[in-house]
């Protein structure tokens, strides 16, 4: 895995959950992810995310048994009763590569996951088969069985039953402007673009099945990273508690070649962090153009 961490690679996604122990039963016991770190969130790390009120919150870091250095972090905080997934700007979903996606609905019966989209093959998109589900913090998770590479990107077949997070989905008020920000500030390129009847979005907003959504893939070379979805104008800014993380899919961490890129306005100055997640690298967090928390880790 020494060549896994390249510029733009997803190092992790973070979701907020109301009961860490209950969510660990889902992600560890059901999905088979390994717990590699668990404890209380430090005040320094919480401040770097602009979420000082989360200091001391219970958290856990999980990794796939494939050994891929890509992590899912869970932070406990009260569930916002007004939060409805897929209706606000910001991180909308984390996409994880898995084996045998059609077998997962039966395996998850009785878990805390709420399956909202059963696996189905989409005509004209032979590259993958995905299913969608919500965790107990209403975080959106896609389980995606890769079939083949797309014409513009390389997709990773799973090397364990549930492997690593390989695409993050961003709900944006202006897809083109958001893509331009990722290109200017992080040196990512626009890969494949599609205009499709996006079932998840249409259901969330009560739109006709025929309503079309445009999306772009921000990538580096053939590495897909951020799917940027053009959300309808009736979407809103995601509400969050004072000094707390956003509910649901809260934060994404990317590897970058340097933190000294121009125009990056960090919440707090970069520092070296020593946990397994950061591996003694410099890191800092910015707020992206859709209001998303984007943590950057310098790999040199």
C-alpha atoms as a PDB file:
ATOM      1  CA  UNK A   1       0.000   0.000   0.000  1.00  0.00           C
ATOM      2  CA  UNK A   2       3.055   2.281  -0.112  1.00  0.00           C
ATOM      3  CA  UNK A   3       1.829   3.876  -3.336  1.00  0.00           C
ATOM      4  CA  UNK A   4      -1.771   4.305  -2.114  1.00  0.00           C
ATOM      5  CA  UNK A   5      -1.388   7.856  -0.785  1.00  0.00           C
ATOM      6  CA  UNK A   6      -1.077  10.179  -3.756  1.00  0.00           C
ATOM      7  CA  UNK A   7      -2.249  13.753  -4.190  1.00  0.00           C
ATOM      8  CA  UNK A   8      -6.041  13.915  -3.900  1.00  0.00           C
ATOM      9  CA  UNK A   9      -6.495  10.455  -2.400  1.00  0.00           C
ATOM     10  CA  UNK A  10      -9.270  10.164   0.178  1.00  0.00           C
ATOM     11  CA  UNK A  11      -7.749   9.381   3.573  1.00  0.00           C
ATOM     12  CA  UNK A  12     -11.047   9.294   5.390  1.00  0.00           C
ATOM     13  CA  UNK A  13     -14.596  10.380   5.946  1.00  0.00           C
ATOM     14  CA  UNK A  14     -16.119  11.417   9.273  1.00  0.00           C
ATOM     15  CA  UNK A  15     -19.748  11.011  10.320  1.00  0.00           C
ATOM     16  CA  UNK A  16     -21.541  12.105  13.479  1.00  0.00           C
ATOM     17  CA  UNK A  17     -23.623   9.513  15.329  1.00  0.00           C
ATOM     18  CA  UNK A  18     -25.847   9.757  18.423  1.00  0.00           C
ATOM     19  CA  UNK A  19     -24.556   6.569  20.093  1.00  0.00           C
ATOM     20  CA  UNK A  20     -21.003   5.519  19.262  1.00  0.00           C
ATOM     21  CA  UNK A  21     -21.343   2.032  20.749  1.00  0.00           C
ATOM     22  CA  UNK A  22     -24.468   1.326  18.697  1.00  0.00           C
ATOM     23  CA  UNK A  23     -22.842   2.545  15.488  1.00  0.00           C
ATOM     24  CA  UNK A  24     -19.761   0.436  16.163  1.00  0.00           C
ATOM     25  CA  UNK A  25     -22.029  -2.601  16.258  1.00  0.00           C
ATOM     26  CA  UNK A  26     -23.063  -1.675  12.727  1.00  0.00           C
ATOM     27  CA  UNK A  27     -19.715  -0.750  11.224  1.00  0.00           C
ATOM     28  CA  UNK A  28     -17.508  -3.219  13.121  1.00  0.00           C
ATOM     29  CA  UNK A  29     -19.790  -6.184  13.824  1.00  0.00           C
ATOM     30  CA  UNK A  30     -21.892  -6.052  10.635  1.00  0.00           C
ATOM     31  CA  UNK A  31     -19.650  -4.472   7.985  1.00  0.00           C
ATOM     32  CA  UNK A  32     -16.460  -5.994   9.386  1.00  0.00           C
ATOM     33  CA  UNK A  33     -14.376  -2.828   9.662  1.00  0.00           C
ATOM     34  CA  UNK A  34     -11.576  -2.929  12.235  1.00  0.00           C
ATOM     35  CA  UNK A  35     -11.438  -0.444  15.106  1.00  0.00           C
ATOM     36  CA  UNK A  36      -7.934   1.069  15.044  1.00  0.00           C
ATOM     37  CA  UNK A  37      -8.426   3.967  17.458  1.00  0.00           C
ATOM     38  CA  UNK A  38     -10.991   4.928  20.075  1.00  0.00           C
ATOM     39  CA  UNK A  39     -11.134   7.612  22.733  1.00  0.00           C
ATOM     40  CA  UNK A  40     -12.178  11.200  23.417  1.00  0.00           C
ATOM     41  CA  UNK A  41     -11.733  13.896  20.774  1.00  0.00           C
ATOM     42  CA  UNK A  42      -8.954  16.304  21.743  1.00  0.00           C
ATOM     43  CA  UNK A  43      -9.729  19.993  22.138  1.00  0.00           C
ATOM     44  CA  UNK A  44      -6.959  20.845  19.685  1.00  0.00           C
ATOM     45  CA  UNK A  45      -8.321  18.619  16.920  1.00  0.00           C
ATOM     46  CA  UNK A  46     -11.893  19.807  17.498  1.00  0.00           C
ATOM     47  CA  UNK A  47     -10.714  23.426  17.268  1.00  0.00           C
ATOM     48  CA  UNK A  48      -8.943  22.687  13.970  1.00  0.00           C
ATOM     49  CA  UNK A  49     -12.326  21.686  12.535  1.00  0.00           C
ATOM     50  CA  UNK A  50     -14.018  24.797  13.935  1.00  0.00           C
ATOM     51  CA  UNK A  51     -16.036  22.602  16.278  1.00  0.00           C
ATOM     52  CA  UNK A  52     -14.767  23.410  19.769  1.00  0.00           C
ATOM     53  CA  UNK A  53     -17.956  22.097  21.381  1.00  0.00           C
ATOM     54  CA  UNK A  54     -17.027  18.581  20.237  1.00  0.00           C
ATOM     55  CA  UNK A  55     -13.946  18.501  22.477  1.00  0.00           C
ATOM     56  CA  UNK A  56     -14.148  15.397  24.635  1.00  0.00           C
ATOM     57  CA  UNK A  57     -16.713  13.689  22.407  1.00  0.00           C
ATOM     58  CA  UNK A  58     -16.303   9.903  22.136  1.00  0.00           C
ATOM     59  CA  UNK A  59     -14.923   8.875  18.753  1.00  0.00           C
ATOM     60  CA  UNK A  60     -13.622   5.840  16.913  1.00  0.00           C
ATOM     61  CA  UNK A  61     -11.550   5.299  13.796  1.00  0.00           C
ATOM     62  CA  UNK A  62     -12.225   2.245  11.631  1.00  0.00           C
ATOM     63  CA  UNK A  63     -10.277   0.704   8.757  1.00  0.00           C
ATOM     64  CA  UNK A  64     -10.941  -2.046   6.200  1.00  0.00           C
ATOM     65  CA  UNK A  65      -9.286  -5.413   6.746  1.00  0.00           C
ATOM     66  CA  UNK A  66      -7.858  -5.103   3.215  1.00  0.00           C
ATOM     67  CA  UNK A  67      -5.201  -2.887   4.777  1.00  0.00           C
ATOM     68  CA  UNK A  68      -5.966   0.163   2.643  1.00  0.00           C
ATOM     69  CA  UNK A  69      -4.921   3.272   4.648  1.00  0.00           C
ATOM     70  CA  UNK A  70      -8.323   4.887   4.299  1.00  0.00           C
ATOM     71  CA  UNK A  71     -10.480   5.345   7.370  1.00  0.00           C
ATOM     72  CA  UNK A  72     -13.999   5.989   8.561  1.00  0.00           C
ATOM     73  CA  UNK A  73     -14.259   8.102  11.713  1.00  0.00           C
ATOM     74  CA  UNK A  74     -17.339   8.286  13.922  1.00  0.00           C
ATOM     75  CA  UNK A  75     -17.837  11.106  16.424  1.00  0.00           C
ATOM     76  CA  UNK A  76     -20.663  10.980  18.954  1.00  0.00           C
ATOM     77  CA  UNK A  77     -22.911  14.018  19.191  1.00  0.00           C
ATOM     78  CA  UNK A  78     -26.662  14.447  19.734  1.00  0.00           C
ATOM     79  CA  UNK A  79     -28.779  13.803  16.666  1.00  0.00           C
ATOM     80  CA  UNK A  80     -30.344  16.977  15.289  1.00  0.00           C
ATOM     81  CA  UNK A  81     -34.072  16.150  14.989  1.00  0.00           C
ATOM     82  CA  UNK A  82     -34.411  18.605  12.113  1.00  0.00           C
ATOM     83  CA  UNK A  83     -31.683  17.085   9.963  1.00  0.00           C
ATOM     84  CA  UNK A  84     -32.963  15.426   6.786  1.00  0.00           C
ATOM     85  CA  UNK A  85     -30.295  13.789   4.573  1.00  0.00           C
ATOM     86  CA  UNK A  86     -29.907  14.805   0.937  1.00  0.00           C
ATOM     87  CA  UNK A  87     -31.630  18.159   1.352  1.00  0.00           C
ATOM     88  CA  UNK A  88     -28.741  20.436   2.321  1.00  0.00           C
ATOM     89  CA  UNK A  89     -25.420  21.552   0.888  1.00  0.00           C
ATOM     90  CA  UNK A  90     -22.231  19.886   2.038  1.00  0.00           C
ATOM     91  CA  UNK A  91     -21.032  16.299   2.192  1.00  0.00           C
ATOM     92  CA  UNK A  92     -23.953  14.132   1.087  1.00  0.00           C
ATOM     93  CA  UNK A  93     -22.548  10.582   1.016  1.00  0.00           C
ATOM     94  CA  UNK A  94     -19.499   8.357   1.331  1.00  0.00           C
ATOM     95  CA  UNK A  95     -19.057   5.655  -1.297  1.00  0.00           C
ATOM     96  CA  UNK A  96     -17.324   2.422  -0.242  1.00  0.00           C
ATOM     97  CA  UNK A  97     -16.125  -0.344  -2.551  1.00  0.00           C
ATOM     98  CA  UNK A  98     -17.524  -3.765  -1.555  1.00  0.00           C
ATOM     99  CA  UNK A  99     -17.819  -7.336  -2.760  1.00  0.00           C
ATOM    100  CA  UNK A 100     -21.188  -8.946  -3.599  1.00  0.00           C
ATOM    101  CA  UNK A 101     -23.384  -5.882  -3.194  1.00  0.00           C
ATOM    102  CA  UNK A 102     -26.538  -7.933  -3.870  1.00  0.00           C
ATOM    103  CA  UNK A 103     -25.821  -9.999  -0.752  1.00  0.00           C
ATOM    104  CA  UNK A 104     -25.632  -7.031   1.605  1.00  0.00           C
ATOM    105  CA  UNK A 105     -29.326  -6.240   2.154  1.00  0.00           C
ATOM    106  CA  UNK A 106     -29.932  -9.646   3.782  1.00  0.00           C
ATOM    107  CA  UNK A 107     -26.738  -9.368   5.852  1.00  0.00           C
ATOM    108  CA  UNK A 108     -27.897  -6.050   7.305  1.00  0.00           C
ATOM    109  CA  UNK A 109     -31.362  -7.158   8.431  1.00  0.00           C
ATOM    110  CA  UNK A 110     -31.750  -6.205  12.094  1.00  0.00           C
ATOM    111  CA  UNK A 111     -28.859  -3.725  12.049  1.00  0.00           C
ATOM    112  CA  UNK A 112     -29.077   0.012  12.625  1.00  0.00           C
ATOM    113  CA  UNK A 113     -28.712   0.693   8.900  1.00  0.00           C
ATOM    114  CA  UNK A 114     -31.783   1.873   7.020  1.00  0.00           C
ATOM    115  CA  UNK A 115     -31.538   0.701   3.404  1.00  0.00           C
ATOM    116  CA  UNK A 116     -33.089   3.356   1.188  1.00  0.00           C
ATOM    117  CA  UNK A 117     -31.897   2.124  -2.182  1.00  0.00           C
ATOM    118  CA  UNK A 118     -31.556  -1.570  -2.980  1.00  0.00           C
ATOM    119  CA  UNK A 119     -28.757  -2.679  -5.320  1.00  0.00           C
ATOM    120  CA  UNK A 120     -29.719  -2.341  -8.950  1.00  0.00           C
ATOM    121  CA  UNK A 121     -27.978  -2.376 -12.283  1.00  0.00           C
ATOM    122  CA  UNK A 122     -28.451   0.855 -14.207  1.00  0.00           C
ATOM    123  CA  UNK A 123     -28.819   0.597 -18.000  1.00  0.00           C
ATOM    124  CA  UNK A 124     -25.958   2.365 -19.701  1.00  0.00           C
ATOM    125  CA  UNK A 125     -23.765   2.324 -16.568  1.00  0.00           C
ATOM    126  CA  UNK A 126     -22.081  -1.102 -16.557  1.00  0.00           C
ATOM    127  CA  UNK A 127     -19.181   0.059 -14.397  1.00  0.00           C
ATOM    128  CA  UNK A 128     -20.652  -0.541 -10.933  1.00  0.00           C
ATOM    129  CA  UNK A 129     -23.715  -1.580  -8.920  1.00  0.00           C
ATOM    130  CA  UNK A 130     -24.520   0.419  -5.804  1.00  0.00           C
ATOM    131  CA  UNK A 131     -26.942   0.432  -2.900  1.00  0.00           C
ATOM    132  CA  UNK A 132     -27.675   3.305  -0.534  1.00  0.00           C
ATOM    133  CA  UNK A 133     -28.292   3.266   3.207  1.00  0.00           C
ATOM    134  CA  UNK A 134     -28.429   5.579   6.196  1.00  0.00           C
ATOM    135  CA  UNK A 135     -26.549   4.988   9.426  1.00  0.00           C
ATOM    136  CA  UNK A 136     -27.841   5.853  12.870  1.00  0.00           C
ATOM    137  CA  UNK A 137     -26.586   9.435  12.556  1.00  0.00           C
ATOM    138  CA  UNK A 138     -28.428   9.703   9.226  1.00  0.00           C
ATOM    139  CA  UNK A 139     -25.095   9.552   7.462  1.00  0.00           C
ATOM    140  CA  UNK A 140     -25.476   8.367   3.874  1.00  0.00           C
ATOM    141  CA  UNK A 141     -23.344   5.395   2.857  1.00  0.00           C
ATOM    142  CA  UNK A 142     -23.192   3.895  -0.626  1.00  0.00           C
ATOM    143  CA  UNK A 143     -21.969   0.306  -0.908  1.00  0.00           C
ATOM    144  CA  UNK A 144     -20.617  -0.036  -4.442  1.00  0.00           C
ATOM    145  CA  UNK A 145     -19.533  -3.185  -6.239  1.00  0.00           C
ATOM    146  CA  UNK A 146     -17.085  -2.202  -8.966  1.00  0.00           C
ATOM    147  CA  UNK A 147     -17.452  -4.096 -12.246  1.00  0.00           C
ATOM    148  CA  UNK A 148     -15.008  -2.231 -14.498  1.00  0.00           C
ATOM    149  CA  UNK A 149     -13.254   1.089 -14.990  1.00  0.00           C
ATOM    150  CA  UNK A 150     -15.145   3.958 -16.568  1.00  0.00           C
ATOM    151  CA  UNK A 151     -13.804   5.614 -19.745  1.00  0.00           C
ATOM    152  CA  UNK A 152     -12.396   8.494 -17.646  1.00  0.00           C
ATOM    153  CA  UNK A 153     -11.502   6.938 -14.277  1.00  0.00           C
ATOM    154  CA  UNK A 154     -10.142   3.852 -12.560  1.00  0.00           C
ATOM    155  CA  UNK A 155     -12.455   2.286  -9.976  1.00  0.00           C
ATOM    156  CA  UNK A 156     -11.059   0.026  -7.221  1.00  0.00           C
ATOM    157  CA  UNK A 157     -12.410  -3.528  -6.933  1.00  0.00           C
ATOM    158  CA  UNK A 158     -12.803  -4.461  -3.264  1.00  0.00           C
ATOM    159  CA  UNK A 159     -10.034  -6.582  -1.744  1.00  0.00           C
ATOM    160  CA  UNK A 160     -12.127  -7.357   1.327  1.00  0.00           C
ATOM    161  CA  UNK A 161     -15.854  -7.802   1.853  1.00  0.00           C
ATOM    162  CA  UNK A 162     -16.106  -4.110   2.738  1.00  0.00           C
ATOM    163  CA  UNK A 163     -13.074  -2.172   1.604  1.00  0.00           C
ATOM    164  CA  UNK A 164     -12.187   1.528   1.521  1.00  0.00           C
ATOM    165  CA  UNK A 165     -14.019   4.775   0.871  1.00  0.00           C
ATOM    166  CA  UNK A 166     -13.158   5.817  -2.691  1.00  0.00           C
ATOM    167  CA  UNK A 167     -15.570   8.590  -3.692  1.00  0.00           C
ATOM    168  CA  UNK A 168     -17.175  11.325  -1.607  1.00  0.00           C
ATOM    169  CA  UNK A 169     -20.330  13.052  -2.805  1.00  0.00           C
ATOM    170  CA  UNK A 170     -20.709  16.800  -2.381  1.00  0.00           C
ATOM    171  CA  UNK A 171     -24.029  18.642  -2.653  1.00  0.00           C
ATOM    172  CA  UNK A 172     -23.278  22.035  -4.181  1.00  0.00           C
ATOM    173  CA  UNK A 173     -25.318  25.169  -4.900  1.00  0.00           C
ATOM    174  CA  UNK A 174     -23.187  25.818  -7.997  1.00  0.00           C
ATOM    175  CA  UNK A 175     -21.501  22.775  -9.487  1.00  0.00           C
ATOM    176  CA  UNK A 176     -19.356  24.672 -11.975  1.00  0.00           C
ATOM    177  CA  UNK A 177     -18.061  27.164  -9.395  1.00  0.00           C
ATOM    178  CA  UNK A 178     -17.358  24.352  -6.934  1.00  0.00           C
ATOM    179  CA  UNK A 179     -15.441  22.394  -9.574  1.00  0.00           C
ATOM    180  CA  UNK A 180     -13.437  25.526 -10.366  1.00  0.00           C
ATOM    181  CA  UNK A 181     -12.527  25.909  -6.665  1.00  0.00           C
ATOM    182  CA  UNK A 182     -11.205  22.352  -6.441  1.00  0.00           C
ATOM    183  CA  UNK A 183      -9.238  22.886  -9.633  1.00  0.00           C
ATOM    184  CA  UNK A 184      -7.741  26.227  -8.552  1.00  0.00           C
ATOM    185  CA  UNK A 185      -6.968  25.403  -4.921  1.00  0.00           C
ATOM    186  CA  UNK A 186      -6.193  21.679  -5.039  1.00  0.00           C
ATOM    187  CA  UNK A 187      -5.136  21.113  -8.626  1.00  0.00           C
ATOM    188  CA  UNK A 188      -7.892  18.604  -9.349  1.00  0.00           C
ATOM    189  CA  UNK A 189      -9.328  18.138 -12.818  1.00  0.00           C
ATOM    190  CA  UNK A 190     -12.858  17.695 -14.074  1.00  0.00           C
ATOM    191  CA  UNK A 191     -13.329  14.114 -15.194  1.00  0.00           C
ATOM    192  CA  UNK A 192     -16.553  12.592 -16.440  1.00  0.00           C
ATOM    193  CA  UNK A 193     -19.751  14.614 -16.298  1.00  0.00           C
ATOM    194  CA  UNK A 194     -23.302  13.303 -16.442  1.00  0.00           C
ATOM    195  CA  UNK A 195     -26.856  14.607 -16.434  1.00  0.00           C
ATOM    196  CA  UNK A 196     -29.179  11.965 -15.024  1.00  0.00           C
ATOM    197  CA  UNK A 197     -32.529  11.495 -13.251  1.00  0.00           C
ATOM    198  CA  UNK A 198     -30.935  11.204  -9.786  1.00  0.00           C
ATOM    199  CA  UNK A 199     -33.367   9.088  -7.766  1.00  0.00           C
ATOM    200  CA  UNK A 200     -31.969  10.008  -4.315  1.00  0.00           C
ATOM    201  CA  UNK A 201     -32.243  13.734  -4.999  1.00  0.00           C
ATOM    202  CA  UNK A 202     -35.648  13.543  -6.656  1.00  0.00           C
ATOM    203  CA  UNK A 203     -37.093  11.572  -3.735  1.00  0.00           C
ATOM    204  CA  UNK A 204     -35.588  13.908  -1.153  1.00  0.00           C
ATOM    205  CA  UNK A 205     -37.089  17.030  -2.715  1.00  0.00           C
ATOM    206  CA  UNK A 206     -40.330  15.523  -4.034  1.00  0.00           C
ATOM    207  CA  UNK A 207     -39.294  16.202  -7.623  1.00  0.00           C
ATOM    208  CA  UNK A 208     -40.662  14.321 -10.653  1.00  0.00           C
ATOM    209  CA  UNK A 209     -38.834  11.102 -11.528  1.00  0.00           C
ATOM    210  CA  UNK A 210     -37.820  12.767 -14.791  1.00  0.00           C
ATOM    211  CA  UNK A 211     -36.060  15.724 -13.108  1.00  0.00           C
ATOM    212  CA  UNK A 212     -32.436  15.802 -14.265  1.00  0.00           C
ATOM    213  CA  UNK A 213     -29.370  16.553 -12.129  1.00  0.00           C
ATOM    214  CA  UNK A 214     -25.929  17.414 -13.482  1.00  0.00           C
ATOM    215  CA  UNK A 215     -22.824  16.117 -11.758  1.00  0.00           C
ATOM    216  CA  UNK A 216     -19.081  16.272 -12.287  1.00  0.00           C
ATOM    217  CA  UNK A 217     -16.207  14.193 -10.973  1.00  0.00           C
ATOM    218  CA  UNK A 218     -13.248  16.048  -9.516  1.00  0.00           C
ATOM    219  CA  UNK A 219     -10.278  13.760  -9.962  1.00  0.00           C
ATOM    220  CA  UNK A 220      -6.503  13.580 -10.323  1.00  0.00           C
ATOM    221  CA  UNK A 221      -5.528  11.811 -13.492  1.00  0.00           C
ATOM    222  CA  UNK A 222      -7.776   8.744 -13.516  1.00  0.00           C
ATOM    223  CA  UNK A 223      -8.300   8.786  -9.723  1.00  0.00           C
ATOM    224  CA  UNK A 224     -11.922   9.763  -8.917  1.00  0.00           C
ATOM    225  CA  UNK A 225     -12.248  11.775  -5.715  1.00  0.00           C
ATOM    226  CA  UNK A 226     -15.197  14.155  -5.287  1.00  0.00           C
ATOM    227  CA  UNK A 227     -18.507  13.764  -7.090  1.00  0.00           C
ATOM    228  CA  UNK A 228     -20.010  17.257  -7.232  1.00  0.00           C
ATOM    229  CA  UNK A 229     -23.794  17.260  -7.580  1.00  0.00           C
ATOM    230  CA  UNK A 230     -25.732  20.335  -8.696  1.00  0.00           C
ATOM    231  CA  UNK A 231     -28.455  20.526  -6.049  1.00  0.00           C
ATOM    232  CA  UNK A 232     -31.814  22.204  -6.721  1.00  0.00           C
ATOM    233  CA  UNK A 233     -32.258  25.789  -5.565  1.00  0.00           C
ATOM    234  CA  UNK A 234     -34.664  24.700  -2.808  1.00  0.00           C
ATOM    235  CA  UNK A 235     -31.748  23.038  -0.965  1.00  0.00           C
ATOM    236  CA  UNK A 236     -30.516  24.894   2.121  1.00  0.00           C
ATOM    237  CA  UNK A 237     -27.368  25.416   4.164  1.00  0.00           C
ATOM    238  CA  UNK A 238     -26.979  22.555   6.660  1.00  0.00           C
ATOM    239  CA  UNK A 239     -27.881  23.655  10.176  1.00  0.00           C
ATOM    240  CA  UNK A 240     -25.642  22.548  13.038  1.00  0.00           C
ATOM    241  CA  UNK A 241     -25.346  23.100  16.762  1.00  0.00           C
ATOM    242  CA  UNK A 242     -23.224  25.996  17.973  1.00  0.00           C
ATOM    243  CA  UNK A 243     -19.567  24.995  17.794  1.00  0.00           C
ATOM    244  CA  UNK A 244     -20.407  21.456  16.689  1.00  0.00           C
ATOM    245  CA  UNK A 245     -19.793  19.282  13.662  1.00  0.00           C
ATOM    246  CA  UNK A 246     -22.396  19.210  10.893  1.00  0.00           C
ATOM    247  CA  UNK A 247     -24.854  16.325  11.277  1.00  0.00           C
ATOM    248  CA  UNK A 248     -24.539  13.225   9.126  1.00  0.00           C
ATOM    249  CA  UNK A 249     -21.610  13.156   6.687  1.00  0.00           C
ATOM    250  CA  UNK A 250     -19.579  15.830   8.446  1.00  0.00           C
ATOM    251  CA  UNK A 251     -15.996  16.002   7.165  1.00  0.00           C
ATOM    252  CA  UNK A 252     -13.709  14.546   4.491  1.00  0.00           C
ATOM    253  CA  UNK A 253      -9.920  14.202   4.643  1.00  0.00           C
ATOM    254  CA  UNK A 254      -7.789  14.322   1.481  1.00  0.00           C
ATOM    255  CA  UNK A 255      -4.078  13.801   0.916  1.00  0.00           C
ATOM    256  CA  UNK A 256      -2.294  16.750  -0.721  1.00  0.00           C
ATOM    257  CA  UNK A 257       1.240  17.219  -1.953  1.00  0.00           C
ATOM    258  CA  UNK A 258       1.578  20.509  -0.044  1.00  0.00           C
ATOM    259  CA  UNK A 259      -0.380  22.648   2.401  1.00  0.00           C
ATOM    260  CA  UNK A 260       1.380  25.714   1.065  1.00  0.00           C
ATOM    261  CA  UNK A 261      -0.928  26.073  -1.904  1.00  0.00           C
ATOM    262  CA  UNK A 262      -2.142  29.661  -2.416  1.00  0.00           C
ATOM    263  CA  UNK A 263      -5.641  30.654  -1.359  1.00  0.00           C
ATOM    264  CA  UNK A 264      -6.202  27.989   1.307  1.00  0.00           C
ATOM    265  CA  UNK A 265      -7.779  29.725   4.305  1.00  0.00           C
ATOM    266  CA  UNK A 266      -7.263  27.306   7.189  1.00  0.00           C
ATOM    267  CA  UNK A 267      -9.483  27.328  10.278  1.00  0.00           C
ATOM    268  CA  UNK A 268      -6.353  26.976  12.423  1.00  0.00           C
ATOM    269  CA  UNK A 269      -2.703  26.865  11.269  1.00  0.00           C
ATOM    270  CA  UNK A 270      -1.277  23.521  10.057  1.00  0.00           C
ATOM    271  CA  UNK A 271       0.267  21.260  12.699  1.00  0.00           C
ATOM    272  CA  UNK A 272       1.881  17.824  12.714  1.00  0.00           C
ATOM    273  CA  UNK A 273      -0.389  15.144  14.205  1.00  0.00           C
ATOM    274  CA  UNK A 274       0.923  11.788  15.357  1.00  0.00           C
ATOM    275  CA  UNK A 275      -2.029   9.362  15.474  1.00  0.00           C
ATOM    276  CA  UNK A 276      -2.269   6.434  13.065  1.00  0.00           C
ATOM    277  CA  UNK A 277      -4.693   8.475  10.993  1.00  0.00           C
ATOM    278  CA  UNK A 278      -2.211  11.319  10.385  1.00  0.00           C
ATOM    279  CA  UNK A 279       1.075   9.368  10.582  1.00  0.00           C
ATOM    280  CA  UNK A 280       3.178  12.349  11.725  1.00  0.00           C
ATOM    281  CA  UNK A 281       2.126  14.580   8.869  1.00  0.00           C
ATOM    282  CA  UNK A 282       1.058  18.227   8.770  1.00  0.00           C
ATOM    283  CA  UNK A 283      -2.662  18.792   8.576  1.00  0.00           C
ATOM    284  CA  UNK A 284      -5.172  21.637   8.552  1.00  0.00           C
ATOM    285  CA  UNK A 285      -8.823  22.150   7.627  1.00  0.00           C
ATOM    286  CA  UNK A 286     -10.597  24.550   5.274  1.00  0.00           C
ATOM    287  CA  UNK A 287     -14.245  25.294   4.588  1.00  0.00           C
ATOM    288  CA  UNK A 288     -15.019  24.565   0.946  1.00  0.00           C
ATOM    289  CA  UNK A 289     -17.335  26.445  -1.423  1.00  0.00           C
ATOM    290  CA  UNK A 290     -20.419  24.397  -0.493  1.00  0.00           C
ATOM    291  CA  UNK A 291     -19.782  24.909   3.230  1.00  0.00           C
ATOM    292  CA  UNK A 292     -18.074  21.520   3.514  1.00  0.00           C
ATOM    293  CA  UNK A 293     -15.377  20.774   6.079  1.00  0.00           C
ATOM    294  CA  UNK A 294     -12.320  19.598   4.143  1.00  0.00           C
ATOM    295  CA  UNK A 295      -9.314  18.398   6.107  1.00  0.00           C
ATOM    296  CA  UNK A 296      -6.016  18.243   4.206  1.00  0.00           C
ATOM    297  CA  UNK A 297      -3.046  16.063   5.130  1.00  0.00           C
ATOM    298  CA  UNK A 298       0.335  16.853   3.594  1.00  0.00           C
ATOM    299  CA  UNK A 299       2.100  13.829   2.104  1.00  0.00           C
ATOM    300  CA  UNK A 300       4.991  15.701   0.443  1.00  0.00           C
END
